């Protein structure tokens, strides 16, 4: 593990900056500053003009950034890509948790402080989706298989649905960082997520970090929505 485990509700909350422009992201950061611990930058924002520059700017200012690019390619490309991302100074980077990709990413990370997170199975997918894609394992079984392989390879952490967190923790032990997207406060719509959980339940299940997007981004008062999530996390004990 590269970074210390989060110790406060603020540390645990990752806001997905799934917005259309860098200017919109800056406004959201301004609205939620001090109520969010980590800002996640995914495809939509990273590939906008200035998106990766924003990730580097925030990192240089001491704001933890989660770059969610879900790398997957031939070994050399993954390794060199991770090496390049590490130079941006971001705190977290995702890759798909395929065995060869994991080992290539670890090689590319070298001695940097970058925390590599393996995506086990996307939270938008269920057993029927995996079957349609040609997998013969259930979502839960595939998550567990990939988690065990990632732990054996020495990966820093994993991304999975909160529904699988308890099983993953039992399989890999206490040290790996577990990040859970698909988090929805009580009463929020699931939207395109199929394996969801409330903030408090996810923490009780063993999650270290929670990724939340639309319930905060679409709120009338995003800061108030983020603070409510922090209260929910704190209530989990």
Protein backbone atom coordinates (compact mmCIF):
# COMPACT_ATOMS: atom_id res chain seq x y z
CA UNK A 1 0.00 0.00 0.00
CA UNK A 2 1.36 3.40 -0.98
CA UNK A 3 -0.80 5.85 0.97
CA UNK A 4 -1.88 5.58 4.61
CA UNK A 5 -5.37 4.24 5.16
CA UNK A 6 -7.98 7.01 5.42
CA UNK A 7 -8.84 7.88 9.00
CA UNK A 8 -11.59 10.51 8.74
CA UNK A 9 -14.90 10.71 6.84
CA UNK A 10 -13.40 13.52 4.73
CA UNK A 11 -10.45 11.35 3.72
CA UNK A 12 -12.82 8.62 2.55
CA UNK A 13 -15.03 10.66 0.21
CA UNK A 14 -14.06 10.72 -3.47
CA UNK A 15 -16.13 13.01 -5.70
CA UNK A 16 -16.39 11.92 -9.33
CA UNK A 17 -15.97 15.08 -11.41
CA UNK A 18 -18.11 13.76 -14.25
CA UNK A 19 -18.74 17.19 -15.74
CA UNK A 20 -18.44 18.50 -19.28
CA UNK A 21 -15.69 21.10 -19.02
CA UNK A 22 -12.67 22.03 -16.93
CA UNK A 23 -14.42 25.28 -15.98
CA UNK A 24 -17.39 23.30 -14.65
CA UNK A 25 -14.98 21.10 -12.69
CA UNK A 26 -13.29 24.14 -11.17
CA UNK A 27 -16.67 25.50 -10.06
CA UNK A 28 -17.59 22.17 -8.47
CA UNK A 29 -14.24 22.00 -6.69
CA UNK A 30 -14.79 25.51 -5.37
CA UNK A 31 -18.29 24.60 -4.15
CA UNK A 32 -17.14 21.44 -2.39
CA UNK A 33 -13.68 22.39 -1.13
CA UNK A 34 -13.27 21.12 2.42
CA UNK A 35 -16.21 18.73 2.08
CA UNK A 36 -14.50 16.25 -0.29
CA UNK A 37 -11.25 14.42 0.34
CA UNK A 38 -10.32 13.24 -3.17
CA UNK A 39 -11.41 14.42 -6.63
CA UNK A 40 -11.83 11.75 -9.28
CA UNK A 41 -11.14 12.63 -12.90
CA UNK A 42 -12.39 10.12 -15.45
CA UNK A 43 -12.61 9.91 -19.23
CA UNK A 44 -15.11 12.71 -19.72
CA UNK A 45 -13.01 15.35 -17.98
CA UNK A 46 -9.51 13.97 -18.53
CA UNK A 47 -9.87 14.14 -22.31
CA UNK A 48 -11.30 17.66 -22.35
CA UNK A 49 -8.78 20.41 -23.20
CA UNK A 50 -6.93 21.05 -19.96
CA UNK A 51 -8.28 17.98 -18.18
CA UNK A 52 -4.98 16.29 -17.42
CA UNK A 53 -3.42 19.68 -16.71
CA UNK A 54 -6.10 20.19 -14.04
CA UNK A 55 -5.18 16.84 -12.48
CA UNK A 56 -1.55 17.91 -12.31
CA UNK A 57 -2.43 21.38 -11.00
CA UNK A 58 -4.55 19.99 -8.17
CA UNK A 59 -1.89 17.43 -7.29
CA UNK A 60 0.81 20.06 -7.12
CA UNK A 61 -1.44 22.08 -4.79
CA UNK A 62 -1.68 19.11 -2.42
CA UNK A 63 -5.21 18.05 -3.42
CA UNK A 64 -5.44 14.26 -3.86
CA UNK A 65 -6.53 13.29 -7.37
CA UNK A 66 -7.89 9.94 -8.50
CA UNK A 67 -7.22 9.53 -12.23
CA UNK A 68 -9.74 6.95 -13.42
CA UNK A 69 -8.46 5.82 -16.82
CA UNK A 70 -8.89 2.04 -16.44
CA UNK A 71 -5.77 1.16 -18.41
CA UNK A 72 -5.65 -2.08 -20.39
CA UNK A 73 -3.26 -2.78 -23.26
CA UNK A 74 -0.14 -4.74 -24.11
CA UNK A 75 2.37 -4.94 -21.27
CA UNK A 76 4.83 -2.35 -22.57
CA UNK A 77 2.09 0.21 -23.24
CA UNK A 78 0.57 -0.22 -19.78
CA UNK A 79 3.95 0.03 -18.08
CA UNK A 80 4.97 3.17 -19.95
CA UNK A 81 1.53 4.71 -19.45
CA UNK A 82 1.71 4.22 -15.69
CA UNK A 83 5.22 5.66 -15.63
CA UNK A 84 3.94 8.78 -17.42
CA UNK A 85 0.92 9.17 -15.13
CA UNK A 86 3.15 8.86 -12.06
CA UNK A 87 4.99 11.98 -13.20
CA UNK A 88 1.73 13.97 -12.99
CA UNK A 89 1.78 13.49 -9.21
CA UNK A 90 -1.76 12.12 -8.90
CA UNK A 91 -2.58 9.93 -5.91
CA UNK A 92 -4.57 7.13 -7.57
CA UNK A 93 -4.76 5.48 -11.00
CA UNK A 94 -7.05 2.68 -12.17
CA UNK A 95 -6.38 -0.21 -14.51
CA UNK A 96 -8.46 -3.23 -15.39
CA UNK A 97 -7.41 -6.06 -13.08
CA UNK A 98 -6.19 -8.47 -15.73
CA UNK A 99 -3.14 -10.44 -14.51
CA UNK A 100 -0.67 -9.24 -17.17
CA UNK A 101 -1.85 -5.64 -16.93
CA UNK A 102 -1.43 -5.65 -13.14
CA UNK A 103 2.15 -6.83 -13.32
CA UNK A 104 3.03 -4.38 -16.10
CA UNK A 105 1.51 -1.50 -14.13
CA UNK A 106 3.47 -2.38 -11.01
CA UNK A 107 6.66 -2.37 -13.06
CA UNK A 108 5.79 1.03 -14.52
CA UNK A 109 5.01 2.51 -11.12
CA UNK A 110 8.54 1.89 -9.90
CA UNK A 111 9.29 3.78 -6.69
CA UNK A 112 6.68 6.50 -7.19
CA UNK A 113 3.98 7.20 -4.61
CA UNK A 114 1.18 6.44 -7.07
CA UNK A 115 -1.49 4.09 -5.69
CA UNK A 116 -2.58 1.58 -8.33
CA UNK A 117 -6.18 0.37 -8.17
CA UNK A 118 -7.37 -2.67 -10.07
CA UNK A 119 -10.94 -2.56 -11.36
CA UNK A 120 -12.38 -6.02 -10.74
CA UNK A 121 -15.83 -5.89 -12.39
CA UNK A 122 -17.56 -2.65 -13.36
CA UNK A 123 -20.46 -1.81 -11.03
CA UNK A 124 -22.69 -1.26 -14.07
CA UNK A 125 -22.42 -4.98 -14.88
CA UNK A 126 -24.34 -7.89 -13.38
CA UNK A 127 -24.29 -11.64 -14.00
CA UNK A 128 -26.37 -11.35 -17.17
CA UNK A 129 -23.98 -8.74 -18.60
CA UNK A 130 -20.97 -10.93 -17.89
CA UNK A 131 -22.67 -13.93 -19.49
CA UNK A 132 -23.39 -11.86 -22.61
CA UNK A 133 -19.70 -10.88 -22.70
CA UNK A 134 -18.63 -14.52 -22.68
CA UNK A 135 -17.67 -14.92 -19.02
CA UNK A 136 -18.79 -18.10 -17.28
CA UNK A 137 -18.32 -16.81 -13.74
CA UNK A 138 -20.79 -14.78 -11.71
CA UNK A 139 -19.86 -11.19 -10.91
CA UNK A 140 -19.08 -12.17 -7.32
CA UNK A 141 -16.84 -15.09 -8.36
CA UNK A 142 -14.97 -13.07 -10.99
CA UNK A 143 -14.39 -10.22 -8.53
CA UNK A 144 -12.95 -12.63 -5.98
CA UNK A 145 -10.68 -14.36 -8.51
CA UNK A 146 -9.28 -11.06 -9.72
CA UNK A 147 -8.89 -9.76 -6.16
CA UNK A 148 -6.83 -12.78 -5.13
CA UNK A 149 -4.57 -12.47 -8.17
CA UNK A 150 -4.07 -8.73 -7.57
CA UNK A 151 -3.13 -9.34 -3.95
CA UNK A 152 -0.66 -12.04 -4.93
CA UNK A 153 0.95 -9.65 -7.43
CA UNK A 154 1.31 -6.90 -4.82
CA UNK A 155 -1.18 -4.40 -6.24
CA UNK A 156 -1.99 -1.46 -3.93
CA UNK A 157 -5.76 -1.71 -4.04
CA UNK A 158 -8.96 -2.68 -5.80
CA UNK A 159 -12.13 -1.10 -7.10
CA UNK A 160 -15.30 -3.14 -6.69
CA UNK A 161 -18.92 -2.93 -5.74
CA UNK A 162 -19.52 -2.58 -2.01
CA UNK A 163 -21.54 -5.78 -2.28
CA UNK A 164 -18.26 -7.70 -2.69
CA UNK A 165 -16.13 -5.78 -0.18
CA UNK A 166 -16.56 -8.15 2.76
CA UNK A 167 -15.65 -11.18 0.64
CA UNK A 168 -12.65 -9.39 -0.85
CA UNK A 169 -11.39 -8.27 2.54
CA UNK A 170 -11.62 -11.84 3.84
CA UNK A 171 -9.66 -13.05 0.82
CA UNK A 172 -6.88 -10.43 0.66
CA UNK A 173 -6.47 -9.27 4.25
CA UNK A 174 -6.54 -5.82 5.85
CA UNK A 175 -3.83 -3.96 3.94
CA UNK A 176 -5.20 -3.51 0.42
CA UNK A 177 -7.06 -0.28 -0.31
CA UNK A 178 -10.69 -0.97 -1.26
CA UNK A 179 -12.51 1.69 -3.28
CA UNK A 180 -16.23 1.38 -3.95
CA UNK A 181 -18.12 3.23 -6.67
CA UNK A 182 -21.87 2.85 -7.11
CA UNK A 183 -22.48 4.55 -3.77
CA UNK A 184 -25.93 6.05 -3.43
CA UNK A 185 -27.21 7.90 -0.34
CA UNK A 186 -30.52 6.59 0.97
CA UNK A 187 -33.31 7.66 -1.38
CA UNK A 188 -31.04 8.45 -4.35
CA UNK A 189 -31.69 6.86 -7.75
CA UNK A 190 -29.41 4.01 -8.81
CA UNK A 191 -29.30 5.35 -12.42
CA UNK A 192 -27.07 3.05 -14.53
CA UNK A 193 -25.45 1.35 -11.53
CA UNK A 194 -26.63 -2.19 -10.80
CA UNK A 195 -24.73 -3.10 -7.60
CA UNK A 196 -25.16 -0.16 -5.24
CA UNK A 197 -24.97 0.54 -1.50
CA UNK A 198 -25.43 3.47 0.89
CA UNK A 199 -22.34 5.23 2.31
CA UNK A 200 -22.80 3.90 5.84
CA UNK A 201 -23.42 0.34 4.67
CA UNK A 202 -20.35 0.44 2.41
CA UNK A 203 -18.11 1.55 5.27
CA UNK A 204 -19.52 -1.15 7.55
CA UNK A 205 -18.83 -3.69 4.82
CA UNK A 206 -15.15 -2.74 4.84
CA UNK A 207 -14.70 -0.07 2.15
CA UNK A 208 -11.86 2.42 2.61
CA UNK A 209 -12.94 5.00 0.02
CA UNK A 210 -16.36 5.80 -1.45
CA UNK A 211 -16.85 7.24 -4.94
CA UNK A 212 -19.95 9.41 -5.36
CA UNK A 213 -20.87 11.45 -8.41
CA UNK A 214 -24.40 12.36 -9.44
CA UNK A 215 -25.97 12.55 -5.95
CA UNK A 216 -23.55 15.41 -5.22
CA UNK A 217 -23.06 16.89 -8.70
CA UNK A 218 -26.81 17.13 -9.38
CA UNK A 219 -27.77 18.44 -5.94
CA UNK A 220 -29.15 21.96 -5.58
CA UNK A 221 -26.38 22.52 -3.02
CA UNK A 222 -23.46 20.17 -3.82
CA UNK A 223 -21.54 21.17 -0.70
CA UNK A 224 -24.50 20.37 1.55
CA UNK A 225 -24.94 17.04 -0.23
CA UNK A 226 -21.28 16.18 0.33
CA UNK A 227 -21.49 17.14 4.00
CA UNK A 228 -24.51 14.86 4.37
CA UNK A 229 -22.48 12.00 2.96
CA UNK A 230 -19.73 12.74 5.49
CA UNK A 231 -22.34 12.54 8.24
CA UNK A 232 -23.49 9.18 6.88
CA UNK A 233 -19.91 7.90 6.85
CA UNK A 234 -19.33 9.12 10.41
CA UNK A 235 -22.51 7.36 11.53
CA UNK A 236 -21.07 4.05 10.33
CA UNK A 237 -18.52 4.23 13.16
